Amino acid sequence: MKVGDVVQSNFRGPKNVEGALGIVLSIKEVPANSHRKSGVLARVFYPKTQKTGWVNSVDMRVISASR
């Protein structure tokens, strides 16, 4: 996953619909602490709702890689 990729959430919606599509805006490495494991967070923009949010990279899959 890198900046500019189109990603989709692995989570299903209320009526078993596919997860939300979004565009990766930035990526941040997160160190481990007492509350969570280390990993990679991605800031994703969701065009349908016009909102952004930080998501765990393991919860998303790449639909279309940027060039």
N, C-alpha and C. Protein backbone atom coordinates (compact mmCIF):
# COMPACT_ATOMS: atom_id res chain seq x y z
N MET A 1 0.85 -1.17 0.00
CA MET A 1 0.00 0.00 0.00
C MET A 1 0.90 1.23 0.00
N LYS A 2 0.56 2.20 -0.85
CA LYS A 2 1.31 3.45 -0.89
C LYS A 2 0.36 4.60 -1.20
N VAL A 3 0.86 5.82 -1.07
CA VAL A 3 0.06 7.01 -1.31
C VAL A 3 -0.46 7.01 -2.75
N GLY A 4 -1.75 7.29 -2.90
CA GLY A 4 -2.38 7.32 -4.22
C GLY A 4 -3.12 6.05 -4.59
N ASP A 5 -2.91 4.97 -3.85
CA ASP A 5 -3.61 3.71 -4.13
C ASP A 5 -5.10 3.82 -3.80
N VAL A 6 -5.93 3.13 -4.57
CA VAL A 6 -7.35 3.00 -4.25
C VAL A 6 -7.48 1.73 -3.42
N VAL A 7 -8.08 1.86 -2.24
CA VAL A 7 -8.20 0.74 -1.31
C VAL A 7 -9.67 0.50 -0.96
N GLN A 8 -9.93 -0.71 -0.45
CA GLN A 8 -11.28 -1.07 -0.03
C GLN A 8 -11.20 -1.72 1.33
N SER A 9 -12.13 -1.38 2.18
CA SER A 9 -12.20 -1.96 3.52
C SER A 9 -12.53 -3.44 3.44
N ASN A 10 -11.92 -4.23 4.35
CA ASN A 10 -12.23 -5.65 4.42
C ASN A 10 -13.53 -5.90 5.16
N PHE A 11 -14.07 -4.89 5.82
CA PHE A 11 -15.30 -5.05 6.59
C PHE A 11 -16.53 -4.95 5.68
N ARG A 12 -17.54 -5.74 5.97
CA ARG A 12 -18.79 -5.74 5.21
C ARG A 12 -19.78 -4.77 5.83
N GLY A 13 -20.65 -4.20 5.01
CA GLY A 13 -21.67 -3.29 5.47
C GLY A 13 -22.83 -4.02 6.12
N PRO A 14 -23.87 -3.29 6.53
CA PRO A 14 -25.00 -3.88 7.24
C PRO A 14 -25.78 -4.91 6.43
N LYS A 15 -25.85 -4.77 5.13
CA LYS A 15 -26.58 -5.75 4.31
C LYS A 15 -25.62 -6.61 3.51
N ASN A 16 -24.44 -6.89 4.13
CA ASN A 16 -23.41 -7.72 3.53
C ASN A 16 -22.89 -7.14 2.22
N VAL A 17 -22.85 -5.81 2.13
CA VAL A 17 -22.32 -5.13 0.95
C VAL A 17 -20.81 -4.98 1.09
N GLU A 18 -20.13 -4.76 -0.02
CA GLU A 18 -18.68 -4.58 -0.01
C GLU A 18 -18.29 -3.39 0.85
N GLY A 19 -17.05 -3.38 1.33
CA GLY A 19 -16.54 -2.29 2.16
C GLY A 19 -16.36 -1.01 1.37
N ALA A 20 -16.17 0.08 2.08
CA ALA A 20 -16.03 1.40 1.47
C ALA A 20 -14.74 1.52 0.67
N LEU A 21 -14.81 2.25 -0.46
CA LEU A 21 -13.64 2.54 -1.29
C LEU A 21 -13.05 3.87 -0.85
N GLY A 22 -11.71 3.96 -0.91
CA GLY A 22 -11.06 5.21 -0.54
C GLY A 22 -9.72 5.35 -1.23
N ILE A 23 -9.11 6.53 -1.10
CA ILE A 23 -7.83 6.83 -1.69
C ILE A 23 -6.84 7.13 -0.56
N VAL A 24 -5.67 6.49 -0.60
CA VAL A 24 -4.66 6.69 0.44
C VAL A 24 -4.01 8.06 0.27
N LEU A 25 -4.09 8.89 1.34
CA LEU A 25 -3.50 10.23 1.32
C LEU A 25 -2.11 10.25 1.95
N SER A 26 -1.92 9.49 3.02
CA SER A 26 -0.61 9.43 3.68
C SER A 26 -0.51 8.14 4.48
N ILE A 27 0.73 7.80 4.81
CA ILE A 27 1.00 6.56 5.55
C ILE A 27 1.92 6.90 6.71
N LYS A 28 1.68 6.25 7.86
CA LYS A 28 2.47 6.51 9.06
C LYS A 28 2.77 5.19 9.78
N GLU A 29 4.05 4.97 10.12
CA GLU A 29 4.45 3.82 10.94
C GLU A 29 4.12 4.14 12.40
N VAL A 30 3.57 3.17 13.11
CA VAL A 30 3.18 3.39 14.50
C VAL A 30 3.94 2.41 15.38
N PRO A 31 4.70 2.91 16.37
CA PRO A 31 5.42 2.00 17.26
C PRO A 31 4.46 1.32 18.25
N ALA A 32 4.88 0.20 18.77
CA ALA A 32 4.06 -0.54 19.73
C ALA A 32 4.08 0.16 21.08
N ASN A 33 2.99 0.03 21.81
CA ASN A 33 2.94 0.50 23.20
C ASN A 33 2.09 -0.49 23.99
N SER A 34 1.69 -0.14 25.19
CA SER A 34 0.95 -1.07 26.04
C SER A 34 -0.47 -1.34 25.55
N HIS A 35 -0.99 -0.50 24.64
CA HIS A 35 -2.37 -0.64 24.19
C HIS A 35 -2.52 -1.24 22.80
N ARG A 36 -1.45 -1.23 21.99
CA ARG A 36 -1.58 -1.73 20.62
C ARG A 36 -0.25 -2.28 20.11
N LYS A 37 -0.35 -3.06 19.04
CA LYS A 37 0.84 -3.59 18.38
C LYS A 37 1.38 -2.54 17.42
N SER A 38 2.63 -2.72 17.01
CA SER A 38 3.18 -1.80 16.01
C SER A 38 2.54 -2.12 14.66
N GLY A 39 2.54 -1.17 13.77
CA GLY A 39 1.94 -1.39 12.48
C GLY A 39 1.97 -0.16 11.61
N VAL A 40 1.18 -0.19 10.56
CA VAL A 40 1.13 0.92 9.62
C VAL A 40 -0.30 1.45 9.56
N LEU A 41 -0.42 2.77 9.75
CA LEU A 41 -1.71 3.43 9.61
C LEU A 41 -1.72 4.20 8.30
N ALA A 42 -2.87 4.25 7.66
CA ALA A 42 -3.02 4.99 6.42
C ALA A 42 -4.16 5.99 6.57
N ARG A 43 -3.93 7.22 6.13
CA ARG A 43 -5.01 8.21 6.12
C ARG A 43 -5.72 8.06 4.79
N VAL A 44 -7.02 7.75 4.85
CA VAL A 44 -7.80 7.43 3.65
C VAL A 44 -8.91 8.46 3.46
N PHE A 45 -9.08 8.92 2.22
CA PHE A 45 -10.17 9.81 1.85
C PHE A 45 -11.25 8.98 1.19
N TYR A 46 -12.49 9.11 1.68
CA TYR A 46 -13.63 8.39 1.13
C TYR A 46 -14.46 9.34 0.27
N PRO A 47 -14.41 9.22 -1.06
CA PRO A 47 -15.12 10.16 -1.94
C PRO A 47 -16.63 10.20 -1.74
N LYS A 48 -17.23 9.06 -1.43
CA LYS A 48 -18.69 9.01 -1.31
C LYS A 48 -19.20 9.87 -0.16
N THR A 49 -18.49 9.84 0.96
CA THR A 49 -18.91 10.61 2.13
C THR A 49 -18.14 11.91 2.31
N GLN A 50 -17.10 12.12 1.50
CA GLN A 50 -16.25 13.31 1.59
C GLN A 50 -15.57 13.43 2.95
N LYS A 51 -15.20 12.29 3.56
CA LYS A 51 -14.54 12.28 4.86
C LYS A 51 -13.19 11.60 4.76
N THR A 52 -12.32 11.88 5.72
CA THR A 52 -11.03 11.20 5.82
C THR A 52 -10.92 10.54 7.18
N GLY A 53 -10.04 9.57 7.28
CA GLY A 53 -9.83 8.92 8.55
C GLY A 53 -8.58 8.05 8.52
N TRP A 54 -8.04 7.76 9.71
CA TRP A 54 -6.90 6.87 9.84
C TRP A 54 -7.40 5.44 10.00
N VAL A 55 -6.83 4.53 9.21
CA VAL A 55 -7.22 3.12 9.28
C VAL A 55 -5.97 2.25 9.39
N ASN A 56 -6.12 1.10 9.99
CA ASN A 56 -5.04 0.13 10.07
C ASN A 56 -4.87 -0.51 8.69
N SER A 57 -3.65 -0.61 8.21
CA SER A 57 -3.42 -1.11 6.86
C SER A 57 -3.85 -2.56 6.68
N VAL A 58 -3.88 -3.35 7.74
CA VAL A 58 -4.29 -4.75 7.60
C VAL A 58 -5.80 -4.87 7.39
N ASP A 59 -6.55 -3.80 7.66
CA ASP A 59 -8.00 -3.81 7.48
C ASP A 59 -8.42 -3.38 6.08
N MET A 60 -7.44 -3.09 5.22
CA MET A 60 -7.74 -2.61 3.86
C MET A 60 -7.04 -3.50 2.83
N ARG A 61 -7.59 -3.54 1.63
CA ARG A 61 -6.92 -4.23 0.53
C ARG A 61 -6.82 -3.27 -0.66
N VAL A 62 -5.73 -3.40 -1.41
CA VAL A 62 -5.48 -2.51 -2.55
C VAL A 62 -6.32 -2.97 -3.74
N ILE A 63 -7.11 -2.06 -4.30
CA ILE A 63 -7.92 -2.33 -5.47
C ILE A 63 -7.18 -1.92 -6.73
N SER A 64 -6.57 -0.74 -6.70
CA SER A 64 -5.84 -0.23 -7.85
C SER A 64 -4.60 0.52 -7.35
N ALA A 65 -3.42 0.03 -7.75
CA ALA A 65 -2.18 0.66 -7.32
C ALA A 65 -1.88 1.90 -8.15
N SER A 66 -1.35 2.92 -7.52
CA SER A 66 -0.97 4.14 -8.23
C SER A 66 0.32 3.88 -9.02
N ARG A 67 0.57 4.74 -9.97
CA ARG A 67 1.76 4.54 -10.80
C ARG A 67 2.96 5.20 -10.22
